[in-house]
Amino acid sequence: MKNLLMALGIAAVVLICGAIGLLVLVGAKHEVATHTLPVTVKERPALVGSTLVAEFFNNSDRALPVKITFHSPTFGRTRIYDVILEPGRVKQIGHTDGWAGAKGDSIKVESAGYIPLEVRF
């Protein structure tokens, strides 16, 4: 009987610790984004060929880590770039970076704590 009570006590502690850990993980994953992403996205024609180049401008005063997702509905392709946008600088992504932009492509820019920005060429 004593061993059974001890086993039940240990099981209860493990269950409580697991529940607390799960609550911490769930809370961390559901961070509420409330700020507008300080990034401007523009397009321009590539210098060579008929594709488009995406330009990303960081309007803030600090470096901003972002995930940029390109999607082509025409070809059903998606490409993700993880980049640091330097403050006051332009980052360009085009065919030399592995993405030949075209009209109809969508771009999603995400960064922790910010509302994602979505644009279409």
PDB file of N, CA and C in Angstrom:
ATOM      1  N   MET A   1       0.820  -1.185   0.000  1.00  0.00           N
ATOM      2  CA  MET A   1       0.000   0.000   0.000  1.00  0.00           C
ATOM      3  C   MET A   1       0.869   1.256   0.000  1.00  0.00           C
ATOM      4  N   LYS A   2       1.956   1.211   0.793  1.00  0.00           N
ATOM      5  CA  LYS A   2       2.861   2.351   0.885  1.00  0.00           C
ATOM      6  C   LYS A   2       3.504   2.633  -0.474  1.00  0.00           C
ATOM      7  N   ASN A   3       3.907   1.558  -1.192  1.00  0.00           N
ATOM      8  CA  ASN A   3       4.513   1.718  -2.513  1.00  0.00           C
ATOM      9  C   ASN A   3       3.525   2.291  -3.522  1.00  0.00           C
ATOM     10  N   LEU A   4       2.268   1.877  -3.413  1.00  0.00           N
ATOM     11  CA  LEU A   4       1.238   2.382  -4.307  1.00  0.00           C
ATOM     12  C   LEU A   4       1.023   3.878  -4.097  1.00  0.00           C
ATOM     13  N   LEU A   5       0.954   4.307  -2.822  1.00  0.00           N
ATOM     14  CA  LEU A   5       0.782   5.726  -2.530  1.00  0.00           C
ATOM     15  C   LEU A   5       1.976   6.538  -3.023  1.00  0.00           C
ATOM     16  N   MET A   6       3.183   5.998  -2.871  1.00  0.00           N
ATOM     17  CA  MET A   6       4.385   6.690  -3.333  1.00  0.00           C
ATOM     18  C   MET A   6       4.362   6.815  -4.859  1.00  0.00           C
ATOM     19  N   ALA A   7       3.979   5.741  -5.561  1.00  0.00           N
ATOM     20  CA  ALA A   7       3.909   5.766  -7.023  1.00  0.00           C
ATOM     21  C   ALA A   7       2.864   6.777  -7.485  1.00  0.00           C
ATOM     22  N   LEU A   8       1.716   6.821  -6.817  1.00  0.00           N
ATOM     23  CA  LEU A   8       0.678   7.795  -7.170  1.00  0.00           C
ATOM     24  C   LEU A   8       1.155   9.224  -6.932  1.00  0.00           C
ATOM     25  N   GLY A   9       1.892   9.447  -5.873  1.00  0.00           N
ATOM     26  CA  GLY A   9       2.426  10.780  -5.572  1.00  0.00           C
ATOM     27  C   GLY A   9       3.417  11.225  -6.644  1.00  0.00           C
ATOM     28  N   ILE A  10       4.300  10.328  -7.060  1.00  0.00           N
ATOM     29  CA  ILE A  10       5.274  10.641  -8.114  1.00  0.00           C
ATOM     30  C   ILE A  10       4.556  10.912  -9.428  1.00  0.00           C
ATOM     31  N   ALA A  11       3.569  10.099  -9.739  1.00  0.00           N
ATOM     32  CA  ALA A  11       2.807  10.292 -10.973  1.00  0.00           C
ATOM     33  C   ALA A  11       2.105  11.645 -10.968  1.00  0.00           C
ATOM     34  N   ALA A  12       1.569  12.049  -9.833  1.00  0.00           N
ATOM     35  CA  ALA A  12       0.882  13.342  -9.734  1.00  0.00           C
ATOM     36  C   ALA A  12       1.864  14.491  -9.970  1.00  0.00           C
ATOM     37  N   VAL A  13       3.063  14.404  -9.416  1.00  0.00           N
ATOM     38  CA  VAL A  13       4.080  15.447  -9.591  1.00  0.00           C
ATOM     39  C   VAL A  13       4.487  15.536 -11.062  1.00  0.00           C
ATOM     40  N   VAL A  14       4.703  14.394 -11.697  1.00  0.00           N
ATOM     41  CA  VAL A  14       5.081  14.370 -13.113  1.00  0.00           C
ATOM     42  C   VAL A  14       3.965  14.972 -13.964  1.00  0.00           C
ATOM     43  N   LEU A  15       2.732  14.637 -13.674  1.00  0.00           N
ATOM     44  CA  LEU A  15       1.581  15.158 -14.417  1.00  0.00           C
ATOM     45  C   LEU A  15       1.471  16.675 -14.266  1.00  0.00           C
ATOM     46  N   ILE A  16       1.650  17.174 -13.066  1.00  0.00           N
ATOM     47  CA  ILE A  16       1.560  18.615 -12.822  1.00  0.00           C
ATOM     48  C   ILE A  16       2.692  19.351 -13.537  1.00  0.00           C
ATOM     49  N   CYS A  17       3.909  18.819 -13.459  1.00  0.00           N
ATOM     50  CA  CYS A  17       5.051  19.443 -14.142  1.00  0.00           C
ATOM     51  C   CYS A  17       4.839  19.455 -15.659  1.00  0.00           C
ATOM     52  N   GLY A  18       4.315  18.374 -16.183  1.00  0.00           N
ATOM     53  CA  GLY A  18       4.041  18.305 -17.619  1.00  0.00           C
ATOM     54  C   GLY A  18       2.990  19.321 -18.028  1.00  0.00           C
ATOM     55  N   ALA A  19       1.952  19.474 -17.223  1.00  0.00           N
ATOM     56  CA  ALA A  19       0.890  20.436 -17.528  1.00  0.00           C
ATOM     57  C   ALA A  19       1.426  21.863 -17.492  1.00  0.00           C
ATOM     58  N   ILE A  20       2.267  22.178 -16.530  1.00  0.00           N
ATOM     59  CA  ILE A  20       2.861  23.517 -16.451  1.00  0.00           C
ATOM     60  C   ILE A  20       3.750  23.767 -17.668  1.00  0.00           C
ATOM     61  N   GLY A  21       4.552  22.779 -18.046  1.00  0.00           N
ATOM     62  CA  GLY A  21       5.414  22.905 -19.228  1.00  0.00           C
ATOM     63  C   GLY A  21       4.606  23.137 -20.495  1.00  0.00           C
ATOM     64  N   LEU A  22       3.508  22.430 -20.628  1.00  0.00           N
ATOM     65  CA  LEU A  22       2.643  22.589 -21.803  1.00  0.00           C
ATOM     66  C   LEU A  22       2.046  23.990 -21.848  1.00  0.00           C
ATOM     67  N   LEU A  23       1.602  24.505 -20.710  1.00  0.00           N
ATOM     68  CA  LEU A  23       1.048  25.854 -20.661  1.00  0.00           C
ATOM     69  C   LEU A  23       2.098  26.896 -21.054  1.00  0.00           C
ATOM     70  N   VAL A  24       3.326  26.707 -20.621  1.00  0.00           N
ATOM     71  CA  VAL A  24       4.401  27.634 -20.976  1.00  0.00           C
ATOM     72  C   VAL A  24       4.642  27.587 -22.482  1.00  0.00           C
ATOM     73  N   LEU A  25       4.709  26.399 -23.065  1.00  0.00           N
ATOM     74  CA  LEU A  25       4.936  26.269 -24.503  1.00  0.00           C
ATOM     75  C   LEU A  25       3.792  26.863 -25.312  1.00  0.00           C
ATOM     76  N   VAL A  26       2.564  26.587 -24.924  1.00  0.00           N
ATOM     77  CA  VAL A  26       1.411  27.110 -25.644  1.00  0.00           C
ATOM     78  C   VAL A  26       1.393  28.630 -25.563  1.00  0.00           C
ATOM     79  N   GLY A  27       1.674  29.169 -24.393  1.00  0.00           N
ATOM     80  CA  GLY A  27       1.709  30.621 -24.238  1.00  0.00           C
ATOM     81  C   GLY A  27       2.789  31.258 -25.087  1.00  0.00           C
ATOM     82  N   ALA A  28       3.944  30.625 -25.198  1.00  0.00           N
ATOM     83  CA  ALA A  28       5.045  31.171 -25.987  1.00  0.00           C
ATOM     84  C   ALA A  28       4.730  31.119 -27.476  1.00  0.00           C
ATOM     85  N   LYS A  29       4.055  30.083 -27.927  1.00  0.00           N
ATOM     86  CA  LYS A  29       3.749  29.944 -29.347  1.00  0.00           C
ATOM     87  C   LYS A  29       2.667  30.901 -29.804  1.00  0.00           C
ATOM     88  N   HIS A  30       1.839  31.380 -28.910  1.00  0.00           N
ATOM     89  CA  HIS A  30       0.729  32.242 -29.279  1.00  0.00           C
ATOM     90  C   HIS A  30       0.990  33.681 -28.872  1.00  0.00           C
ATOM     91  N   GLU A  31       2.214  34.157 -29.135  1.00  0.00           N
ATOM     92  CA  GLU A  31       2.543  35.547 -28.870  1.00  0.00           C
ATOM     93  C   GLU A  31       1.673  36.419 -29.772  1.00  0.00           C
ATOM     94  N   VAL A  32       1.040  37.402 -29.206  1.00  0.00           N
ATOM     95  CA  VAL A  32       0.144  38.252 -29.973  1.00  0.00           C
ATOM     96  C   VAL A  32       0.955  39.355 -30.646  1.00  0.00           C
ATOM     97  N   ALA A  33       0.873  39.393 -31.968  1.00  0.00           N
ATOM     98  CA  ALA A  33       1.556  40.428 -32.735  1.00  0.00           C
ATOM     99  C   ALA A  33       0.656  41.654 -32.772  1.00  0.00           C
ATOM    100  N   THR A  34       1.151  42.765 -32.247  1.00  0.00           N
ATOM    101  CA  THR A  34       0.323  43.963 -32.181  1.00  0.00           C
ATOM    102  C   THR A  34       0.930  45.147 -32.922  1.00  0.00           C
ATOM    103  N   HIS A  35       2.179  45.048 -33.350  1.00  0.00           N
ATOM    104  CA  HIS A  35       2.846  46.168 -33.999  1.00  0.00           C
ATOM    105  C   HIS A  35       2.894  45.966 -35.513  1.00  0.00           C
ATOM    106  N   THR A  36       2.780  47.065 -36.225  1.00  0.00           N
ATOM    107  CA  THR A  36       2.908  47.022 -37.677  1.00  0.00           C
ATOM    108  C   THR A  36       4.375  46.808 -38.031  1.00  0.00           C
ATOM    109  N   LEU A  37       4.645  45.911 -38.930  1.00  0.00           N
ATOM    110  CA  LEU A  37       6.017  45.610 -39.360  1.00  0.00           C
ATOM    111  C   LEU A  37       6.593  46.840 -40.064  1.00  0.00           C
ATOM    112  N   PRO A  38       7.734  47.366 -39.587  1.00  0.00           N
ATOM    113  CA  PRO A  38       8.298  48.588 -40.169  1.00  0.00           C
ATOM    114  C   PRO A  38       9.101  48.320 -41.449  1.00  0.00           C
ATOM    115  N   VAL A  39       8.452  47.693 -42.411  1.00  0.00           N
ATOM    116  CA  VAL A  39       9.112  47.319 -43.664  1.00  0.00           C
ATOM    117  C   VAL A  39       8.251  47.778 -44.834  1.00  0.00           C
ATOM    118  N   THR A  40       8.903  48.355 -45.835  1.00  0.00           N
ATOM    119  CA  THR A  40       8.241  48.727 -47.076  1.00  0.00           C
ATOM    120  C   THR A  40       8.709  47.761 -48.156  1.00  0.00           C
ATOM    121  N   VAL A  41       7.774  47.246 -48.958  1.00  0.00           N
ATOM    122  CA  VAL A  41       8.109  46.327 -50.049  1.00  0.00           C
ATOM    123  C   VAL A  41       7.732  46.995 -51.370  1.00  0.00           C
ATOM    124  N   LYS A  42       8.690  47.007 -52.288  1.00  0.00           N
ATOM    125  CA  LYS A  42       8.442  47.560 -53.629  1.00  0.00           C
ATOM    126  C   LYS A  42       8.939  46.564 -54.658  1.00  0.00           C
ATOM    127  N   GLU A  43       8.524  46.755 -55.879  1.00  0.00           N
ATOM    128  CA  GLU A  43       9.013  45.924 -56.979  1.00  0.00           C
ATOM    129  C   GLU A  43       9.657  46.831 -58.016  1.00  0.00           C
ATOM    130  N   ARG A  44      10.576  46.258 -58.753  1.00  0.00           N
ATOM    131  CA  ARG A  44      11.182  46.964 -59.878  1.00  0.00           C
ATOM    132  C   ARG A  44      11.542  45.934 -60.937  1.00  0.00           C
ATOM    133  N   PRO A  45      11.645  46.348 -62.201  1.00  0.00           N
ATOM    134  CA  PRO A  45      12.062  45.409 -63.246  1.00  0.00           C
ATOM    135  C   PRO A  45      13.527  45.007 -63.040  1.00  0.00           C
ATOM    136  N   ALA A  46      13.853  43.766 -63.337  1.00  0.00           N
ATOM    137  CA  ALA A  46      15.248  43.318 -63.273  1.00  0.00           C
ATOM    138  C   ALA A  46      16.045  44.047 -64.349  1.00  0.00           C
ATOM    139  N   LEU A  47      17.336  44.226 -64.106  1.00  0.00           N
ATOM    140  CA  LEU A  47      18.184  44.907 -65.081  1.00  0.00           C
ATOM    141  C   LEU A  47      18.343  44.092 -66.354  1.00  0.00           C
ATOM    142  N   VAL A  48      18.276  42.766 -66.216  1.00  0.00           N
ATOM    143  CA  VAL A  48      18.389  41.872 -67.368  1.00  0.00           C
ATOM    144  C   VAL A  48      17.181  40.940 -67.367  1.00  0.00           C
ATOM    145  N   GLY A  49      16.558  40.746 -68.504  1.00  0.00           N
ATOM    146  CA  GLY A  49      15.414  39.839 -68.601  1.00  0.00           C
ATOM    147  C   GLY A  49      14.110  40.550 -68.286  1.00  0.00           C
ATOM    148  N   SER A  50      13.059  39.760 -68.181  1.00  0.00           N
ATOM    149  CA  SER A  50      11.715  40.323 -67.985  1.00  0.00           C
ATOM    150  C   SER A  50      11.139  40.019 -66.610  1.00  0.00           C
ATOM    151  N   THR A  51      11.980  39.639 -65.654  1.00  0.00           N
ATOM    152  CA  THR A  51      11.490  39.310 -64.314  1.00  0.00           C
ATOM    153  C   THR A  51      11.448  40.559 -63.435  1.00  0.00           C
ATOM    154  N   LEU A  52      10.914  40.394 -62.235  1.00  0.00           N
ATOM    155  CA  LEU A  52      10.822  41.481 -61.265  1.00  0.00           C
ATOM    156  C   LEU A  52      11.750  41.217 -60.087  1.00  0.00           C
ATOM    157  N   VAL A  53      12.195  42.282 -59.456  1.00  0.00           N
ATOM    158  CA  VAL A  53      13.030  42.212 -58.260  1.00  0.00           C
ATOM    159  C   VAL A  53      12.231  42.822 -57.116  1.00  0.00           C
ATOM    160  N   ALA A  54      12.226  42.162 -55.968  1.00  0.00           N
ATOM    161  CA  ALA A  54      11.548  42.690 -54.781  1.00  0.00           C
ATOM    162  C   ALA A  54      12.564  43.466 -53.950  1.00  0.00           C
ATOM    163  N   GLU A  55      12.146  44.644 -53.481  1.00  0.00           N
ATOM    164  CA  GLU A  55      12.994  45.473 -52.634  1.00  0.00           C
ATOM    165  C   GLU A  55      12.337  45.624 -51.265  1.00  0.00           C
ATOM    166  N   PHE A  56      13.110  45.370 -50.216  1.00  0.00           N
ATOM    167  CA  PHE A  56      12.622  45.434 -48.844  1.00  0.00           C
ATOM    168  C   PHE A  56      13.393  46.523 -48.109  1.00  0.00           C
ATOM    169  N   PHE A  57      12.671  47.512 -47.571  1.00  0.00           N
ATOM    170  CA  PHE A  57      13.300  48.623 -46.875  1.00  0.00           C
ATOM    171  C   PHE A  57      12.902  48.585 -45.409  1.00  0.00           C
ATOM    172  N   ASN A  58      13.911  48.568 -44.529  1.00  0.00           N
ATOM    173  CA  ASN A  58      13.681  48.566 -43.087  1.00  0.00           C
ATOM    174  C   ASN A  58      13.545  50.014 -42.625  1.00  0.00           C
ATOM    175  N   ASN A  59      12.342  50.397 -42.233  1.00  0.00           N
ATOM    176  CA  ASN A  59      12.064  51.770 -41.803  1.00  0.00           C
ATOM    177  C   ASN A  59      12.392  52.028 -40.336  1.00  0.00           C
ATOM    178  N   SER A  60      12.882  51.019 -39.622  1.00  0.00           N
ATOM    179  CA  SER A  60      13.162  51.194 -38.195  1.00  0.00           C
ATOM    180  C   SER A  60      14.619  51.622 -37.994  1.00  0.00           C
ATOM    181  N   ASP A  61      14.978  51.821 -36.721  1.00  0.00           N
ATOM    182  CA  ASP A  61      16.348  52.229 -36.395  1.00  0.00           C
ATOM    183  C   ASP A  61      17.188  51.075 -35.844  1.00  0.00           C
ATOM    184  N   ARG A  62      16.717  49.853 -36.061  1.00  0.00           N
ATOM    185  CA  ARG A  62      17.485  48.678 -35.595  1.00  0.00           C
ATOM    186  C   ARG A  62      17.373  47.548 -36.615  1.00  0.00           C
ATOM    187  N   ALA A  63      18.329  46.642 -36.564  1.00  0.00           N
ATOM    188  CA  ALA A  63      18.311  45.482 -37.463  1.00  0.00           C
ATOM    189  C   ALA A  63      17.070  44.643 -37.167  1.00  0.00           C
ATOM    190  N   LEU A  64      16.487  44.096 -38.216  1.00  0.00           N
ATOM    191  CA  LEU A  64      15.225  43.369 -38.071  1.00  0.00           C
ATOM    192  C   LEU A  64      15.334  41.998 -38.738  1.00  0.00           C
ATOM    193  N   PRO A  65      15.332  40.913 -37.938  1.00  0.00           N
ATOM    194  CA  PRO A  65      15.331  39.577 -38.552  1.00  0.00           C
ATOM    195  C   PRO A  65      13.940  39.271 -39.106  1.00  0.00           C
ATOM    196  N   VAL A  66      13.884  38.863 -40.360  1.00  0.00           N
ATOM    197  CA  VAL A  66      12.602  38.576 -40.989  1.00  0.00           C
ATOM    198  C   VAL A  66      12.654  37.261 -41.764  1.00  0.00           C
ATOM    199  N   LYS A  67      11.475  36.689 -41.936  1.00  0.00           N
ATOM    200  CA  LYS A  67      11.296  35.536 -42.823  1.00  0.00           C
ATOM    201  C   LYS A  67      10.466  36.042 -43.989  1.00  0.00           C
ATOM    202  N   ILE A  68      11.008  35.915 -45.202  1.00  0.00           N
ATOM    203  CA  ILE A  68      10.319  36.375 -46.398  1.00  0.00           C
ATOM    204  C   ILE A  68       9.918  35.154 -47.211  1.00  0.00           C
ATOM    205  N   THR A  69       8.620  35.010 -47.462  1.00  0.00           N
ATOM    206  CA  THR A  69       8.101  33.876 -48.225  1.00  0.00           C
ATOM    207  C   THR A  69       7.566  34.369 -49.561  1.00  0.00           C
ATOM    208  N   PHE A  70       8.141  33.861 -50.636  1.00  0.00           N
ATOM    209  CA  PHE A  70       7.661  34.152 -51.987  1.00  0.00           C
ATOM    210  C   PHE A  70       6.812  32.975 -52.443  1.00  0.00           C
ATOM    211  N   HIS A  71       5.714  33.263 -53.134  1.00  0.00           N
ATOM    212  CA  HIS A  71       4.895  32.189 -53.690  1.00  0.00           C
ATOM    213  C   HIS A  71       4.467  32.559 -55.102  1.00  0.00           C
ATOM    214  N   SER A  72       4.655  31.626 -56.027  1.00  0.00           N
ATOM    215  CA  SER A  72       4.228  31.805 -57.411  1.00  0.00           C
ATOM    216  C   SER A  72       3.021  30.921 -57.677  1.00  0.00           C
ATOM    217  N   PRO A  73       1.828  31.524 -57.849  1.00  0.00           N
ATOM    218  CA  PRO A  73       0.659  30.707 -58.171  1.00  0.00           C
ATOM    219  C   PRO A  73       0.759  30.109 -59.577  1.00  0.00           C
ATOM    220  N   THR A  74       1.485  30.779 -60.451  1.00  0.00           N
ATOM    221  CA  THR A  74       1.641  30.298 -61.828  1.00  0.00           C
ATOM    222  C   THR A  74       2.370  28.962 -61.865  1.00  0.00           C
ATOM    223  N   PHE A  75       3.465  28.860 -61.107  1.00  0.00           N
ATOM    224  CA  PHE A  75       4.287  27.648 -61.119  1.00  0.00           C
ATOM    225  C   PHE A  75       4.099  26.782 -59.873  1.00  0.00           C
ATOM    226  N   GLY A  76       3.299  27.256 -58.913  1.00  0.00           N
ATOM    227  CA  GLY A  76       3.067  26.488 -57.695  1.00  0.00           C
ATOM    228  C   GLY A  76       4.332  26.323 -56.853  1.00  0.00           C
ATOM    229  N   ARG A  77       5.237  27.305 -56.926  1.00  0.00           N
ATOM    230  CA  ARG A  77       6.498  27.243 -56.180  1.00  0.00           C
ATOM    231  C   ARG A  77       6.473  28.195 -54.995  1.00  0.00           C
ATOM    232  N   THR A  78       7.167  27.807 -53.940  1.00  0.00           N
ATOM    233  CA  THR A  78       7.341  28.657 -52.763  1.00  0.00           C
ATOM    234  C   THR A  78       8.812  28.639 -52.379  1.00  0.00           C
ATOM    235  N   ARG A  79       9.313  29.792 -51.983  1.00  0.00           N
ATOM    236  CA  ARG A  79      10.716  29.891 -51.547  1.00  0.00           C
ATOM    237  C   ARG A  79      10.758  30.786 -50.322  1.00  0.00           C
ATOM    238  N   ILE A  80      11.512  30.375 -49.307  1.00  0.00           N
ATOM    239  CA  ILE A  80      11.606  31.128 -48.051  1.00  0.00           C
ATOM    240  C   ILE A  80      13.034  31.604 -47.849  1.00  0.00           C
ATOM    241  N   TYR A  81      13.160  32.871 -47.462  1.00  0.00           N
ATOM    242  CA  TYR A  81      14.456  33.479 -47.162  1.00  0.00           C
ATOM    243  C   TYR A  81      14.418  33.991 -45.726  1.00  0.00           C
ATOM    244  N   ASP A  82      15.446  33.669 -44.949  1.00  0.00           N
ATOM    245  CA  ASP A  82      15.614  34.236 -43.611  1.00  0.00           C
ATOM    246  C   ASP A  82      16.732  35.262 -43.724  1.00  0.00           C
ATOM    247  N   VAL A  83      16.408  36.527 -43.506  1.00  0.00           N
ATOM    248  CA  VAL A  83      17.389  37.598 -43.674  1.00  0.00           C
ATOM    249  C   VAL A  83      17.308  38.587 -42.520  1.00  0.00           C
ATOM    250  N   ILE A  84      18.368  39.352 -42.374  1.00  0.00           N
ATOM    251  CA  ILE A  84      18.396  40.462 -41.433  1.00  0.00           C
ATOM    252  C   ILE A  84      18.311  41.731 -42.275  1.00  0.00           C
ATOM    253  N   LEU A  85      17.269  42.521 -42.052  1.00  0.00           N
ATOM    254  CA  LEU A  85      17.145  43.794 -42.746  1.00  0.00           C
ATOM    255  C   LEU A  85      17.817  44.863 -41.889  1.00  0.00           C
ATOM    256  N   GLU A  86      18.871  45.457 -42.419  1.00  0.00           N
ATOM    257  CA  GLU A  86      19.605  46.484 -41.689  1.00  0.00           C
ATOM    258  C   GLU A  86      18.790  47.780 -41.687  1.00  0.00           C
ATOM    259  N   PRO A  87      18.892  48.576 -40.625  1.00  0.00           N
ATOM    260  CA  PRO A  87      18.098  49.803 -40.541  1.00  0.00           C
ATOM    261  C   PRO A  87      18.451  50.786 -41.664  1.00  0.00           C
ATOM    262  N   GLY A  88      17.408  51.348 -42.284  1.00  0.00           N
ATOM    263  CA  GLY A  88      17.597  52.342 -43.326  1.00  0.00           C
ATOM    264  C   GLY A  88      18.222  51.826 -44.611  1.00  0.00           C
ATOM    265  N   ARG A  89      18.266  50.513 -44.790  1.00  0.00           N
ATOM    266  CA  ARG A  89      18.905  49.921 -45.969  1.00  0.00           C
ATOM    267  C   ARG A  89      17.880  49.135 -46.784  1.00  0.00           C
ATOM    268  N   VAL A  90      18.201  48.924 -48.053  1.00  0.00           N
ATOM    269  CA  VAL A  90      17.347  48.147 -48.948  1.00  0.00           C
ATOM    270  C   VAL A  90      17.977  46.779 -49.174  1.00  0.00           C
ATOM    271  N   LYS A  91      17.165  45.743 -49.087  1.00  0.00           N
ATOM    272  CA  LYS A  91      17.572  44.370 -49.430  1.00  0.00           C
ATOM    273  C   LYS A  91      16.791  43.999 -50.679  1.00  0.00           C
ATOM    274  N   GLN A  92      17.494  43.568 -51.713  1.00  0.00           N
ATOM    275  CA  GLN A  92      16.843  43.177 -52.958  1.00  0.00           C
ATOM    276  C   GLN A  92      16.915  41.664 -53.126  1.00  0.00           C
ATOM    277  N   ILE A  93      15.830  41.082 -53.603  1.00  0.00           N
ATOM    278  CA  ILE A  93      15.800  39.650 -53.914  1.00  0.00           C
ATOM    279  C   ILE A  93      15.220  39.509 -55.315  1.00  0.00           C
ATOM    280  N   GLY A  94      15.991  38.858 -56.186  1.00  0.00           N
ATOM    281  CA  GLY A  94      15.574  38.659 -57.567  1.00  0.00           C
ATOM    282  C   GLY A  94      16.120  37.358 -58.123  1.00  0.00           C
ATOM    283  N   HIS A  95      16.217  37.281 -59.453  1.00  0.00           N
ATOM    284  CA  HIS A  95      16.630  36.018 -60.089  1.00  0.00           C
ATOM    285  C   HIS A  95      18.039  35.597 -59.695  1.00  0.00           C
ATOM    286  N   THR A  96      18.939  36.532 -59.388  1.00  0.00           N
ATOM    287  CA  THR A  96      20.296  36.151 -58.969  1.00  0.00           C
ATOM    288  C   THR A  96      20.315  35.545 -57.569  1.00  0.00           C
ATOM    289  N   ASP A  97      19.208  35.712 -56.831  1.00  0.00           N
ATOM    290  CA  ASP A  97      19.080  35.135 -55.487  1.00  0.00           C
ATOM    291  C   ASP A  97      18.221  33.877 -55.484  1.00  0.00           C
ATOM    292  N   GLY A  98      17.769  33.467 -56.665  1.00  0.00           N
ATOM    293  CA  GLY A  98      16.982  32.240 -56.748  1.00  0.00           C
ATOM    294  C   GLY A  98      15.492  32.448 -56.892  1.00  0.00           C
ATOM    295  N   TRP A  99      15.051  33.709 -57.068  1.00  0.00           N
ATOM    296  CA  TRP A  99      13.626  33.951 -57.260  1.00  0.00           C
ATOM    297  C   TRP A  99      13.437  34.919 -58.420  1.00  0.00           C
ATOM    298  N   ALA A 100      12.860  34.427 -59.509  1.00  0.00           N
ATOM    299  CA  ALA A 100      12.547  35.266 -60.667  1.00  0.00           C
ATOM    300  C   ALA A 100      11.115  35.744 -60.509  1.00  0.00           C
ATOM    301  N   GLY A 101      10.943  36.953 -59.987  1.00  0.00           N
ATOM    302  CA  GLY A 101       9.622  37.482 -59.696  1.00  0.00           C
ATOM    303  C   GLY A 101       8.801  37.732 -60.945  1.00  0.00           C
ATOM    304  N   ALA A 102       7.486  37.554 -60.811  1.00  0.00           N
ATOM    305  CA  ALA A 102       6.561  37.775 -61.927  1.00  0.00           C
ATOM    306  C   ALA A 102       5.259  38.352 -61.380  1.00  0.00           C
ATOM    307  N   LYS A 103       4.505  39.014 -62.258  1.00  0.00           N
ATOM    308  CA  LYS A 103       3.197  39.532 -61.857  1.00  0.00           C
ATOM    309  C   LYS A 103       2.344  38.382 -61.316  1.00  0.00           C
ATOM    310  N   GLY A 104       1.657  38.632 -60.201  1.00  0.00           N
ATOM    311  CA  GLY A 104       0.820  37.612 -59.576  1.00  0.00           C
ATOM    312  C   GLY A 104       1.487  36.916 -58.403  1.00  0.00           C
ATOM    313  N   ASP A 105       2.824  37.023 -58.279  1.00  0.00           N
ATOM    314  CA  ASP A 105       3.528  36.419 -57.139  1.00  0.00           C
ATOM    315  C   ASP A 105       3.112  37.118 -55.850  1.00  0.00           C
ATOM    316  N   SER A 106       3.079  36.358 -54.753  1.00  0.00           N
ATOM    317  CA  SER A 106       2.782  36.952 -53.456  1.00  0.00           C
ATOM    318  C   SER A 106       4.022  36.880 -52.573  1.00  0.00           C
ATOM    319  N   ILE A 107       4.126  37.855 -51.685  1.00  0.00           N
ATOM    320  CA  ILE A 107       5.252  37.939 -50.760  1.00  0.00           C
ATOM    321  C   ILE A 107       4.692  38.157 -49.364  1.00  0.00           C
ATOM    322  N   LYS A 108       5.191  37.380 -48.413  1.00  0.00           N
ATOM    323  CA  LYS A 108       4.804  37.534 -47.015  1.00  0.00           C
ATOM    324  C   LYS A 108       6.073  37.789 -46.213  1.00  0.00           C
ATOM    325  N   VAL A 109       6.079  38.869 -45.417  1.00  0.00           N
ATOM    326  CA  VAL A 109       7.219  39.224 -44.582  1.00  0.00           C
ATOM    327  C   VAL A 109       6.783  39.079 -43.133  1.00  0.00           C
ATOM    328  N   GLU A 110       7.542  38.293 -42.354  1.00  0.00           N
ATOM    329  CA  GLU A 110       7.186  38.034 -40.959  1.00  0.00           C
ATOM    330  C   GLU A 110       8.370  38.288 -40.038  1.00  0.00           C
ATOM    331  N   SER A 111       8.066  38.782 -38.833  1.00  0.00           N
ATOM    332  CA  SER A 111       9.072  38.958 -37.797  1.00  0.00           C
ATOM    333  C   SER A 111       8.368  38.861 -36.450  1.00  0.00           C
ATOM    334  N   ALA A 112       9.014  38.240 -35.486  1.00  0.00           N
ATOM    335  CA  ALA A 112       8.406  38.010 -34.167  1.00  0.00           C
ATOM    336  C   ALA A 112       7.923  39.316 -33.544  1.00  0.00           C
ATOM    337  N   GLY A 113       6.673  39.309 -33.069  1.00  0.00           N
ATOM    338  CA  GLY A 113       6.099  40.463 -32.404  1.00  0.00           C
ATOM    339  C   GLY A 113       5.419  41.447 -33.334  1.00  0.00           C
ATOM    340  N   TYR A 114       5.488  41.187 -34.646  1.00  0.00           N
ATOM    341  CA  TYR A 114       4.889  42.099 -35.627  1.00  0.00           C
ATOM    342  C   TYR A 114       3.781  41.398 -36.410  1.00  0.00           C
ATOM    343  N   ILE A 115       2.834  42.188 -36.872  1.00  0.00           N
ATOM    344  CA  ILE A 115       1.784  41.679 -37.742  1.00  0.00           C
ATOM    345  C   ILE A 115       2.420  41.400 -39.105  1.00  0.00           C
ATOM    346  N   PRO A 116       2.253  40.209 -39.679  1.00  0.00           N
ATOM    347  CA  PRO A 116       2.860  39.902 -40.981  1.00  0.00           C
ATOM    348  C   PRO A 116       2.380  40.869 -42.066  1.00  0.00           C
ATOM    349  N   LEU A 117       3.273  41.135 -42.998  1.00  0.00           N
ATOM    350  CA  LEU A 117       2.990  42.019 -44.128  1.00  0.00           C
ATOM    351  C   LEU A 117       2.864  41.151 -45.371  1.00  0.00           C
ATOM    352  N   GLU A 118       1.765  41.304 -46.115  1.00  0.00           N
ATOM    353  CA  GLU A 118       1.563  40.521 -47.325  1.00  0.00           C
ATOM    354  C   GLU A 118       1.319  41.458 -48.502  1.00  0.00           C
ATOM    355  N   VAL A 119       2.049  41.224 -49.595  1.00  0.00           N
ATOM    356  CA  VAL A 119       1.885  42.028 -50.807  1.00  0.00           C
ATOM    357  C   VAL A 119       1.853  41.098 -52.013  1.00  0.00           C
ATOM    358  N   ARG A 120       1.383  41.641 -53.138  1.00  0.00           N
ATOM    359  CA  ARG A 120       1.328  40.884 -54.383  1.00  0.00           C
ATOM    360  C   ARG A 120       1.943  41.737 -55.480  1.00  0.00           C
ATOM    361  N   PHE A 121       2.774  41.100 -56.318  1.00  0.00           N
ATOM    362  CA  PHE A 121       3.366  41.803 -57.462  1.00  0.00           C
ATOM    363  C   PHE A 121       2.271  42.125 -58.445  1.00  0.00           C
TER     364      PHE A 121
END
